Amino acid sequence: MAFAQHAPIMGKSFCFALLFLTRIPVPQKWQHYDSHTQSQSIYWHPVIGAIIGAILFGSYQLLQLTGLANHIFPVSALLLLLWILITGGLHLDGLGDSADGWLGGYGDKDRTLAIMKDSHSGAAAVIAITSVLLLKVVALAAVISTAPYWLLLVPAFARLNSIILFATTPYARSEGLGSPFASGLNLPLIGLLCGLMAIILWLAGGITGLSLLFGGAILTALLRRQMIRRIDGTTGDTAGATIEIIEAFSFIFILLIP
């Protein structure tokens, strides 16, 4: 009975997470949300990441049936392009806004937040986005050539780290795109999600999986430290930047342990 009562809320929060994080179509009847539904949708973010990963993995398998099977860099580039199309560049936008704010804010919180809110992209945004995409496409090529199953896990892992960021960091604005995710978080549930991810990474890669787990945790902690020092917290932009950076460096962490 309790599950039946919560099922509609779970369904709506899942659909909101899918609509917010991707460009995957959602039925019209599920496109009306309240603040509670939005706040509950954060727990679905790793699941949405897994869906993105499944699409990428399936696309990789299809590309292996074509003449591109022996050309790993074009395959990697096509997968990265598909990755961007699925998410609509949402997190890349956050990365660019954060880079502009960090460069142009000169250590001033209010100025940094104002620049991050500006929709125009500066030189820092272009450099940051280009650098992350370059790192991602090269590292992705190296990983999928021997272990393409990591495509299934990296997007989910990155989005779990953004949940940890919201759970451990104050929200820097009075309100914003990410504010519904920053209040009333269920810490035991987040702990359960982290435990499940640790088990999955261990089963998937053993020591390599643990390398990814600890590497991601350290990188998220370092990024969080910079956010606290500069803007006294996190925002939707910095959370998006964290996802992009974690995704790119996840493939590096995987390659560190042969």
C-alpha atoms as a PDB file:
ATOM      1  CA  MET A   1       0.000   0.000   0.000  1.00  0.00           C
ATOM      2  CA  ALA A   2       2.816   2.420   0.928  1.00  0.00           C
ATOM      3  CA  PHE A   3       4.605   1.682  -2.347  1.00  0.00           C
ATOM      4  CA  ALA A   4       1.387   2.245  -4.297  1.00  0.00           C
ATOM      5  CA  GLN A   5       0.977   5.653  -2.639  1.00  0.00           C
ATOM      6  CA  HIS A   6       4.542   6.708  -3.481  1.00  0.00           C
ATOM      7  CA  ALA A   7       4.639   5.212  -6.991  1.00  0.00           C
ATOM      8  CA  PRO A   8       3.081   8.246  -8.763  1.00  0.00           C
ATOM      9  CA  ILE A   9       5.522  10.593  -7.010  1.00  0.00           C
ATOM     10  CA  MET A  10       8.429   8.313  -7.930  1.00  0.00           C
ATOM     11  CA  GLY A  11       7.215   8.216 -11.531  1.00  0.00           C
ATOM     12  CA  LYS A  12       6.922  11.995 -11.749  1.00  0.00           C
ATOM     13  CA  SER A  13      10.290  12.597 -10.107  1.00  0.00           C
ATOM     14  CA  PHE A  14      11.923  10.128 -12.494  1.00  0.00           C
ATOM     15  CA  CYS A  15      10.322  11.849 -15.491  1.00  0.00           C
ATOM     16  CA  PHE A  16      11.420  15.255 -14.218  1.00  0.00           C
ATOM     17  CA  ALA A  17      14.995  13.992 -13.832  1.00  0.00           C
ATOM     18  CA  LEU A  18      14.868  12.575 -17.361  1.00  0.00           C
ATOM     19  CA  LEU A  19      13.441  15.825 -18.732  1.00  0.00           C
ATOM     20  CA  PHE A  20      15.897  18.008 -16.812  1.00  0.00           C
ATOM     21  CA  LEU A  21      19.099  16.060 -17.512  1.00  0.00           C
ATOM     22  CA  THR A  22      18.457  14.863 -21.067  1.00  0.00           C
ATOM     23  CA  ARG A  23      16.642  15.631 -24.296  1.00  0.00           C
ATOM     24  CA  ILE A  24      14.861  12.278 -24.203  1.00  0.00           C
ATOM     25  CA  PRO A  25      11.111  12.878 -24.774  1.00  0.00           C
ATOM     26  CA  VAL A  26       8.781  12.629 -21.775  1.00  0.00           C
ATOM     27  CA  PRO A  27       4.973  12.137 -22.116  1.00  0.00           C
ATOM     28  CA  GLN A  28       3.065  15.420 -21.876  1.00  0.00           C
ATOM     29  CA  LYS A  29       1.011  14.230 -18.895  1.00  0.00           C
ATOM     30  CA  TRP A  30       4.230  13.860 -16.848  1.00  0.00           C
ATOM     31  CA  GLN A  31       5.513  17.345 -17.628  1.00  0.00           C
ATOM     32  CA  HIS A  32       3.796  19.149 -14.726  1.00  0.00           C
ATOM     33  CA  TYR A  33       5.830  19.256 -11.524  1.00  0.00           C
ATOM     34  CA  ASP A  34       5.794  20.836  -8.097  1.00  0.00           C
ATOM     35  CA  SER A  35       8.786  21.752  -5.966  1.00  0.00           C
ATOM     36  CA  HIS A  36       8.610  18.467  -4.033  1.00  0.00           C
ATOM     37  CA  THR A  37       8.779  16.428  -7.225  1.00  0.00           C
ATOM     38  CA  GLN A  38      11.778  18.447  -8.368  1.00  0.00           C
ATOM     39  CA  SER A  39      13.621  17.986  -5.086  1.00  0.00           C
ATOM     40  CA  GLN A  40      12.946  14.233  -5.074  1.00  0.00           C
ATOM     41  CA  SER A  41      14.192  13.864  -8.654  1.00  0.00           C
ATOM     42  CA  ILE A  42      17.821  14.223  -7.592  1.00  0.00           C
ATOM     43  CA  TYR A  43      17.891  10.633  -6.346  1.00  0.00           C
ATOM     44  CA  TRP A  44      17.186   9.506  -9.923  1.00  0.00           C
ATOM     45  CA  HIS A  45      20.209  11.318 -11.350  1.00  0.00           C
ATOM     46  CA  PRO A  46      22.527   8.270 -11.258  1.00  0.00           C
ATOM     47  CA  VAL A  47      19.772   6.221 -12.914  1.00  0.00           C
ATOM     48  CA  ILE A  48      19.490   8.816 -15.666  1.00  0.00           C
ATOM     49  CA  GLY A  49      23.268   8.605 -15.987  1.00  0.00           C
ATOM     50  CA  ALA A  50      22.961   4.842 -16.400  1.00  0.00           C
ATOM     51  CA  ILE A  51      20.361   5.361 -19.145  1.00  0.00           C
ATOM     52  CA  ILE A  52      22.726   7.738 -20.929  1.00  0.00           C
ATOM     53  CA  GLY A  53      25.469   5.155 -20.543  1.00  0.00           C
ATOM     54  CA  ALA A  54      23.252   2.396 -21.942  1.00  0.00           C
ATOM     55  CA  ILE A  55      22.511   4.503 -25.023  1.00  0.00           C
ATOM     56  CA  LEU A  56      26.220   5.179 -25.518  1.00  0.00           C
ATOM     57  CA  PHE A  57      27.144   1.522 -25.018  1.00  0.00           C
ATOM     58  CA  GLY A  58      24.442   0.367 -27.428  1.00  0.00           C
ATOM     59  CA  SER A  59      25.599   2.918 -29.986  1.00  0.00           C
ATOM     60  CA  TYR A  60      29.181   1.707 -29.602  1.00  0.00           C
ATOM     61  CA  GLN A  61      28.062  -1.858 -30.304  1.00  0.00           C
ATOM     62  CA  LEU A  62      26.208  -0.712 -33.423  1.00  0.00           C
ATOM     63  CA  LEU A  63      29.256   1.207 -34.659  1.00  0.00           C
ATOM     64  CA  GLN A  64      31.296  -1.981 -34.312  1.00  0.00           C
ATOM     65  CA  LEU A  65      29.144  -3.489 -37.053  1.00  0.00           C
ATOM     66  CA  THR A  66      30.242  -0.796 -39.520  1.00  0.00           C
ATOM     67  CA  GLY A  67      33.477   0.064 -41.280  1.00  0.00           C
ATOM     68  CA  LEU A  68      34.434   2.201 -38.271  1.00  0.00           C
ATOM     69  CA  ALA A  69      35.089  -0.863 -36.119  1.00  0.00           C
ATOM     70  CA  ASN A  70      38.873  -0.503 -36.475  1.00  0.00           C
ATOM     71  CA  HIS A  71      38.945   3.294 -36.213  1.00  0.00           C
ATOM     72  CA  ILE A  72      38.649   4.066 -32.528  1.00  0.00           C
ATOM     73  CA  PHE A  73      39.064   7.860 -32.635  1.00  0.00           C
ATOM     74  CA  PRO A  74      36.182   8.523 -35.070  1.00  0.00           C
ATOM     75  CA  VAL A  75      34.056   6.161 -32.974  1.00  0.00           C
ATOM     76  CA  SER A  76      35.027   8.030 -29.804  1.00  0.00           C
ATOM     77  CA  ALA A  77      34.224  11.374 -31.438  1.00  0.00           C
ATOM     78  CA  LEU A  78      30.809  10.157 -32.599  1.00  0.00           C
ATOM     79  CA  LEU A  79      30.013   8.812 -29.130  1.00  0.00           C
ATOM     80  CA  LEU A  80      31.008  12.117 -27.563  1.00  0.00           C
ATOM     81  CA  LEU A  81      28.808  13.992 -30.036  1.00  0.00           C
ATOM     82  CA  LEU A  82      25.904  11.697 -29.168  1.00  0.00           C
ATOM     83  CA  TRP A  83      26.652  12.254 -25.469  1.00  0.00           C
ATOM     84  CA  ILE A  84      26.334  16.016 -25.965  1.00  0.00           C
ATOM     85  CA  LEU A  85      23.134  15.635 -27.980  1.00  0.00           C
ATOM     86  CA  ILE A  86      21.514  13.441 -25.318  1.00  0.00           C
ATOM     87  CA  THR A  87      22.215  15.956 -22.541  1.00  0.00           C
ATOM     88  CA  GLY A  88      21.682  19.032 -24.683  1.00  0.00           C
ATOM     89  CA  GLY A  89      25.045  20.355 -23.513  1.00  0.00           C
ATOM     90  CA  LEU A  90      23.488  21.166 -20.118  1.00  0.00           C
ATOM     91  CA  HIS A  91      26.578  20.429 -18.050  1.00  0.00           C
ATOM     92  CA  LEU A  92      28.948  21.912 -20.633  1.00  0.00           C
ATOM     93  CA  ASP A  93      27.010  25.154 -20.231  1.00  0.00           C
ATOM     94  CA  GLY A  94      27.591  24.964 -16.480  1.00  0.00           C
ATOM     95  CA  LEU A  95      31.279  24.298 -17.061  1.00  0.00           C
ATOM     96  CA  GLY A  96      31.585  27.322 -19.346  1.00  0.00           C
ATOM     97  CA  ASP A  97      29.690  29.629 -16.996  1.00  0.00           C
ATOM     98  CA  SER A  98      31.806  28.484 -14.047  1.00  0.00           C
ATOM     99  CA  ALA A  99      35.054  29.024 -15.964  1.00  0.00           C
ATOM    100  CA  ASP A 100      34.009  32.545 -16.961  1.00  0.00           C
ATOM    101  CA  GLY A 101      33.020  33.352 -13.379  1.00  0.00           C
ATOM    102  CA  TRP A 102      36.255  32.004 -11.926  1.00  0.00           C
ATOM    103  CA  LEU A 103      38.396  33.981 -14.369  1.00  0.00           C
ATOM    104  CA  GLY A 104      36.389  37.209 -14.402  1.00  0.00           C
ATOM    105  CA  GLY A 105      35.239  37.311 -10.789  1.00  0.00           C
ATOM    106  CA  TYR A 106      38.684  38.178  -9.405  1.00  0.00           C
ATOM    107  CA  GLY A 107      37.893  36.420  -6.141  1.00  0.00           C
ATOM    108  CA  ASP A 108      34.727  38.448  -5.526  1.00  0.00           C
ATOM    109  CA  LYS A 109      31.701  36.268  -4.753  1.00  0.00           C
ATOM    110  CA  ASP A 110      28.993  38.582  -6.054  1.00  0.00           C
ATOM    111  CA  ARG A 111      30.888  39.394  -9.238  1.00  0.00           C
ATOM    112  CA  THR A 112      31.632  35.702  -9.822  1.00  0.00           C
ATOM    113  CA  LEU A 113      27.963  34.745  -9.415  1.00  0.00           C
ATOM    114  CA  ALA A 114      26.858  37.600 -11.674  1.00  0.00           C
ATOM    115  CA  ILE A 115      29.224  36.519 -14.448  1.00  0.00           C
ATOM    116  CA  MET A 116      28.104  32.900 -14.108  1.00  0.00           C
ATOM    117  CA  LYS A 117      24.504  34.024 -14.591  1.00  0.00           C
ATOM    118  CA  ASP A 118      25.367  35.888 -17.814  1.00  0.00           C
ATOM    119  CA  SER A 119      24.386  33.798 -20.851  1.00  0.00           C
ATOM    120  CA  HIS A 120      27.313  35.064 -22.942  1.00  0.00           C
ATOM    121  CA  SER A 121      30.431  32.886 -23.184  1.00  0.00           C
ATOM    122  CA  GLY A 122      33.891  34.332 -22.723  1.00  0.00           C
ATOM    123  CA  ALA A 123      37.369  33.073 -23.531  1.00  0.00           C
ATOM    124  CA  ALA A 124      37.554  31.050 -20.303  1.00  0.00           C
ATOM    125  CA  ALA A 125      34.368  29.166 -21.202  1.00  0.00           C
ATOM    126  CA  VAL A 126      35.663  28.288 -24.652  1.00  0.00           C
ATOM    127  CA  ILE A 127      39.020  27.129 -23.291  1.00  0.00           C
ATOM    128  CA  ALA A 128      37.466  25.069 -20.481  1.00  0.00           C
ATOM    129  CA  ILE A 129      34.876  23.360 -22.698  1.00  0.00           C
ATOM    130  CA  THR A 130      37.415  22.647 -25.453  1.00  0.00           C
ATOM    131  CA  SER A 131      39.929  21.241 -22.965  1.00  0.00           C
ATOM    132  CA  VAL A 132      37.418  18.953 -21.270  1.00  0.00           C
ATOM    133  CA  LEU A 133      36.024  17.678 -24.573  1.00  0.00           C
ATOM    134  CA  LEU A 134      39.531  17.030 -25.903  1.00  0.00           C
ATOM    135  CA  LEU A 135      40.471  15.140 -22.753  1.00  0.00           C
ATOM    136  CA  LYS A 136      37.234  13.195 -22.836  1.00  0.00           C
ATOM    137  CA  VAL A 137      37.424  12.111 -26.476  1.00  0.00           C
ATOM    138  CA  VAL A 138      41.061  10.940 -26.181  1.00  0.00           C
ATOM    139  CA  ALA A 139      40.630   9.159 -22.847  1.00  0.00           C
ATOM    140  CA  LEU A 140      37.324   7.663 -24.004  1.00  0.00           C
ATOM    141  CA  ALA A 141      39.050   6.221 -27.066  1.00  0.00           C
ATOM    142  CA  ALA A 142      41.712   4.603 -24.878  1.00  0.00           C
ATOM    143  CA  VAL A 143      39.163   3.048 -22.520  1.00  0.00           C
ATOM    144  CA  ILE A 144      36.564   1.719 -24.964  1.00  0.00           C
ATOM    145  CA  SER A 145      39.224   0.042 -27.080  1.00  0.00           C
ATOM    146  CA  THR A 146      39.646  -2.541 -24.309  1.00  0.00           C
ATOM    147  CA  ALA A 147      36.762  -2.085 -21.845  1.00  0.00           C
ATOM    148  CA  PRO A 148      33.688  -0.438 -23.441  1.00  0.00           C
ATOM    149  CA  TYR A 149      31.461  -1.475 -20.508  1.00  0.00           C
ATOM    150  CA  TRP A 150      32.758   1.585 -18.598  1.00  0.00           C
ATOM    151  CA  LEU A 151      30.468   3.620 -20.841  1.00  0.00           C
ATOM    152  CA  LEU A 152      27.604   2.197 -18.782  1.00  0.00           C
ATOM    153  CA  LEU A 153      29.018   3.373 -15.457  1.00  0.00           C
ATOM    154  CA  VAL A 154      30.869   6.663 -15.881  1.00  0.00           C
ATOM    155  CA  PRO A 155      27.784   8.877 -16.535  1.00  0.00           C
ATOM    156  CA  ALA A 156      26.033   7.399 -13.481  1.00  0.00           C
ATOM    157  CA  PHE A 157      29.134   7.800 -11.318  1.00  0.00           C
ATOM    158  CA  ALA A 158      29.568  11.452 -12.290  1.00  0.00           C
ATOM    159  CA  ARG A 159      25.955  12.287 -11.430  1.00  0.00           C
ATOM    160  CA  LEU A 160      26.263  10.550  -8.070  1.00  0.00           C
ATOM    161  CA  ASN A 161      29.183  12.864  -7.287  1.00  0.00           C
ATOM    162  CA  SER A 162      26.971  15.865  -8.032  1.00  0.00           C
ATOM    163  CA  ILE A 163      24.468  14.549  -5.466  1.00  0.00           C
ATOM    164  CA  ILE A 164      27.280  14.300  -2.919  1.00  0.00           C
ATOM    165  CA  LEU A 165      28.242  17.873  -3.776  1.00  0.00           C
ATOM    166  CA  PHE A 166      24.694  19.127  -3.115  1.00  0.00           C
ATOM    167  CA  ALA A 167      24.467  17.080   0.099  1.00  0.00           C
ATOM    168  CA  THR A 168      27.702  18.442   1.579  1.00  0.00           C
ATOM    169  CA  THR A 169      27.795  22.015   0.269  1.00  0.00           C
ATOM    170  CA  PRO A 170      25.568  25.052   0.926  1.00  0.00           C
ATOM    171  CA  TYR A 171      23.730  26.508  -2.038  1.00  0.00           C
ATOM    172  CA  ALA A 172      25.412  29.795  -2.946  1.00  0.00           C
ATOM    173  CA  ARG A 173      22.363  31.610  -4.351  1.00  0.00           C
ATOM    174  CA  SER A 174      19.066  32.480  -2.693  1.00  0.00           C
ATOM    175  CA  GLU A 175      17.429  30.633  -5.576  1.00  0.00           C
ATOM    176  CA  GLY A 176      18.518  29.163  -8.878  1.00  0.00           C
ATOM    177  CA  LEU A 177      18.239  26.244 -11.290  1.00  0.00           C
ATOM    178  CA  GLY A 178      19.824  23.852  -8.811  1.00  0.00           C
ATOM    179  CA  SER A 179      18.145  25.154  -5.653  1.00  0.00           C
ATOM    180  CA  PRO A 180      15.364  22.503  -5.589  1.00  0.00           C
ATOM    181  CA  PHE A 181      18.072  19.833  -5.296  1.00  0.00           C
ATOM    182  CA  ALA A 182      19.863  21.419  -2.348  1.00  0.00           C
ATOM    183  CA  SER A 183      17.216  21.292   0.380  1.00  0.00           C
ATOM    184  CA  GLY A 184      15.963  18.461   2.560  1.00  0.00           C
ATOM    185  CA  LEU A 185      18.250  15.802   1.140  1.00  0.00           C
ATOM    186  CA  ASN A 186      17.895  12.284   2.534  1.00  0.00           C
ATOM    187  CA  LEU A 187      21.420  11.509   3.700  1.00  0.00           C
ATOM    188  CA  PRO A 188      20.803   7.799   4.496  1.00  0.00           C
ATOM    189  CA  LEU A 189      19.424   7.317   0.969  1.00  0.00           C
ATOM    190  CA  ILE A 190      22.447   9.086  -0.503  1.00  0.00           C
ATOM    191  CA  GLY A 191      24.682   6.853   1.603  1.00  0.00           C
ATOM    192  CA  LEU A 192      22.850   3.813   0.207  1.00  0.00           C
ATOM    193  CA  LEU A 193      23.373   5.069  -3.355  1.00  0.00           C
ATOM    194  CA  CYS A 194      27.076   5.557  -2.640  1.00  0.00           C
ATOM    195  CA  GLY A 195      27.347   2.049  -1.198  1.00  0.00           C
ATOM    196  CA  LEU A 196      25.614   0.532  -4.221  1.00  0.00           C
ATOM    197  CA  MET A 197      27.902   2.441  -6.575  1.00  0.00           C
ATOM    198  CA  ALA A 198      30.987   1.247  -4.689  1.00  0.00           C
ATOM    199  CA  ILE A 199      29.818  -2.373  -4.986  1.00  0.00           C
ATOM    200  CA  ILE A 200      29.049  -1.982  -8.692  1.00  0.00           C
ATOM    201  CA  LEU A 201      32.449  -0.396  -9.407  1.00  0.00           C
ATOM    202  CA  TRP A 202      34.220  -3.143  -7.478  1.00  0.00           C
ATOM    203  CA  LEU A 203      32.344  -5.875  -9.333  1.00  0.00           C
ATOM    204  CA  ALA A 204      32.946  -4.159 -12.678  1.00  0.00           C
ATOM    205  CA  GLY A 205      36.632  -3.443 -12.334  1.00  0.00           C
ATOM    206  CA  GLY A 206      38.070  -4.573  -9.020  1.00  0.00           C
ATOM    207  CA  ILE A 207      41.059  -2.364  -8.185  1.00  0.00           C
ATOM    208  CA  THR A 208      40.352  -0.276 -11.277  1.00  0.00           C
ATOM    209  CA  GLY A 209      36.834   0.374  -9.998  1.00  0.00           C
ATOM    210  CA  LEU A 210      38.194   1.434  -6.617  1.00  0.00           C
ATOM    211  CA  SER A 211      40.681   3.716  -8.381  1.00  0.00           C
ATOM    212  CA  LEU A 212      37.742   5.396 -10.091  1.00  0.00           C
ATOM    213  CA  LEU A 213      35.807   5.610  -6.807  1.00  0.00           C
ATOM    214  CA  PHE A 214      38.601   7.215  -4.794  1.00  0.00           C
ATOM    215  CA  GLY A 215      39.810   9.379  -7.680  1.00  0.00           C
ATOM    216  CA  GLY A 216      36.317  10.771  -8.155  1.00  0.00           C
ATOM    217  CA  ALA A 217      35.896  11.391  -4.427  1.00  0.00           C
ATOM    218  CA  ILE A 218      39.189  13.286  -4.192  1.00  0.00           C
ATOM    219  CA  LEU A 219      38.467  15.350  -7.306  1.00  0.00           C
ATOM    220  CA  THR A 220      34.964  16.226  -6.082  1.00  0.00           C
ATOM    221  CA  ALA A 221      36.413  17.269  -2.714  1.00  0.00           C
ATOM    222  CA  LEU A 222      38.986  19.518  -4.415  1.00  0.00           C
ATOM    223  CA  LEU A 223      36.337  21.122  -6.617  1.00  0.00           C
ATOM    224  CA  ARG A 224      34.088  21.616  -3.576  1.00  0.00           C
ATOM    225  CA  ARG A 225      36.949  23.312  -1.733  1.00  0.00           C
ATOM    226  CA  GLN A 226      37.368  25.800  -4.559  1.00  0.00           C
ATOM    227  CA  MET A 227      33.609  26.511  -4.602  1.00  0.00           C
ATOM    228  CA  ILE A 228      33.565  27.175  -0.865  1.00  0.00           C
ATOM    229  CA  ARG A 229      36.555  29.510  -1.134  1.00  0.00           C
ATOM    230  CA  ARG A 230      35.201  31.467  -4.088  1.00  0.00           C
ATOM    231  CA  ILE A 231      31.385  31.568  -3.739  1.00  0.00           C
ATOM    232  CA  ASP A 232      30.706  30.028  -0.292  1.00  0.00           C
ATOM    233  CA  GLY A 233      28.901  27.047  -1.829  1.00  0.00           C
ATOM    234  CA  THR A 234      27.699  25.431  -5.006  1.00  0.00           C
ATOM    235  CA  THR A 235      25.244  26.316  -7.766  1.00  0.00           C
ATOM    236  CA  GLY A 236      23.622  24.481 -10.642  1.00  0.00           C
ATOM    237  CA  ASP A 237      26.471  25.678 -12.874  1.00  0.00           C
ATOM    238  CA  THR A 238      29.232  24.391 -10.616  1.00  0.00           C
ATOM    239  CA  ALA A 239      27.382  21.095 -10.172  1.00  0.00           C
ATOM    240  CA  GLY A 240      27.207  20.771 -13.964  1.00  0.00           C
ATOM    241  CA  ALA A 241      30.895  21.622 -14.222  1.00  0.00           C
ATOM    242  CA  THR A 242      31.627  18.934 -11.636  1.00  0.00           C
ATOM    243  CA  ILE A 243      29.776  16.336 -13.722  1.00  0.00           C
ATOM    244  CA  GLU A 244      31.736  17.232 -16.867  1.00  0.00           C
ATOM    245  CA  ILE A 245      35.080  17.219 -15.073  1.00  0.00           C
ATOM    246  CA  ILE A 246      34.349  13.950 -13.263  1.00  0.00           C
ATOM    247  CA  GLU A 247      33.257  12.285 -16.524  1.00  0.00           C
ATOM    248  CA  ALA A 248      36.455  13.334 -18.292  1.00  0.00           C
ATOM    249  CA  PHE A 249      38.798  12.363 -15.478  1.00  0.00           C
ATOM    250  CA  SER A 250      36.943   9.117 -14.754  1.00  0.00           C
ATOM    251  CA  PHE A 251      38.437   7.664 -17.913  1.00  0.00           C
ATOM    252  CA  ILE A 252      41.874   8.851 -16.750  1.00  0.00           C
ATOM    253  CA  PHE A 253      41.368   7.169 -13.354  1.00  0.00           C
ATOM    254  CA  ILE A 254      40.338   3.955 -15.120  1.00  0.00           C
ATOM    255  CA  LEU A 255      43.531   4.032 -17.199  1.00  0.00           C
ATOM    256  CA  LEU A 256      45.770   4.603 -14.157  1.00  0.00           C
ATOM    257  CA  ILE A 257      45.369   0.996 -12.994  1.00  0.00           C
ATOM    258  CA  PRO A 258      46.106  -1.490 -15.819  1.00  0.00           C
END
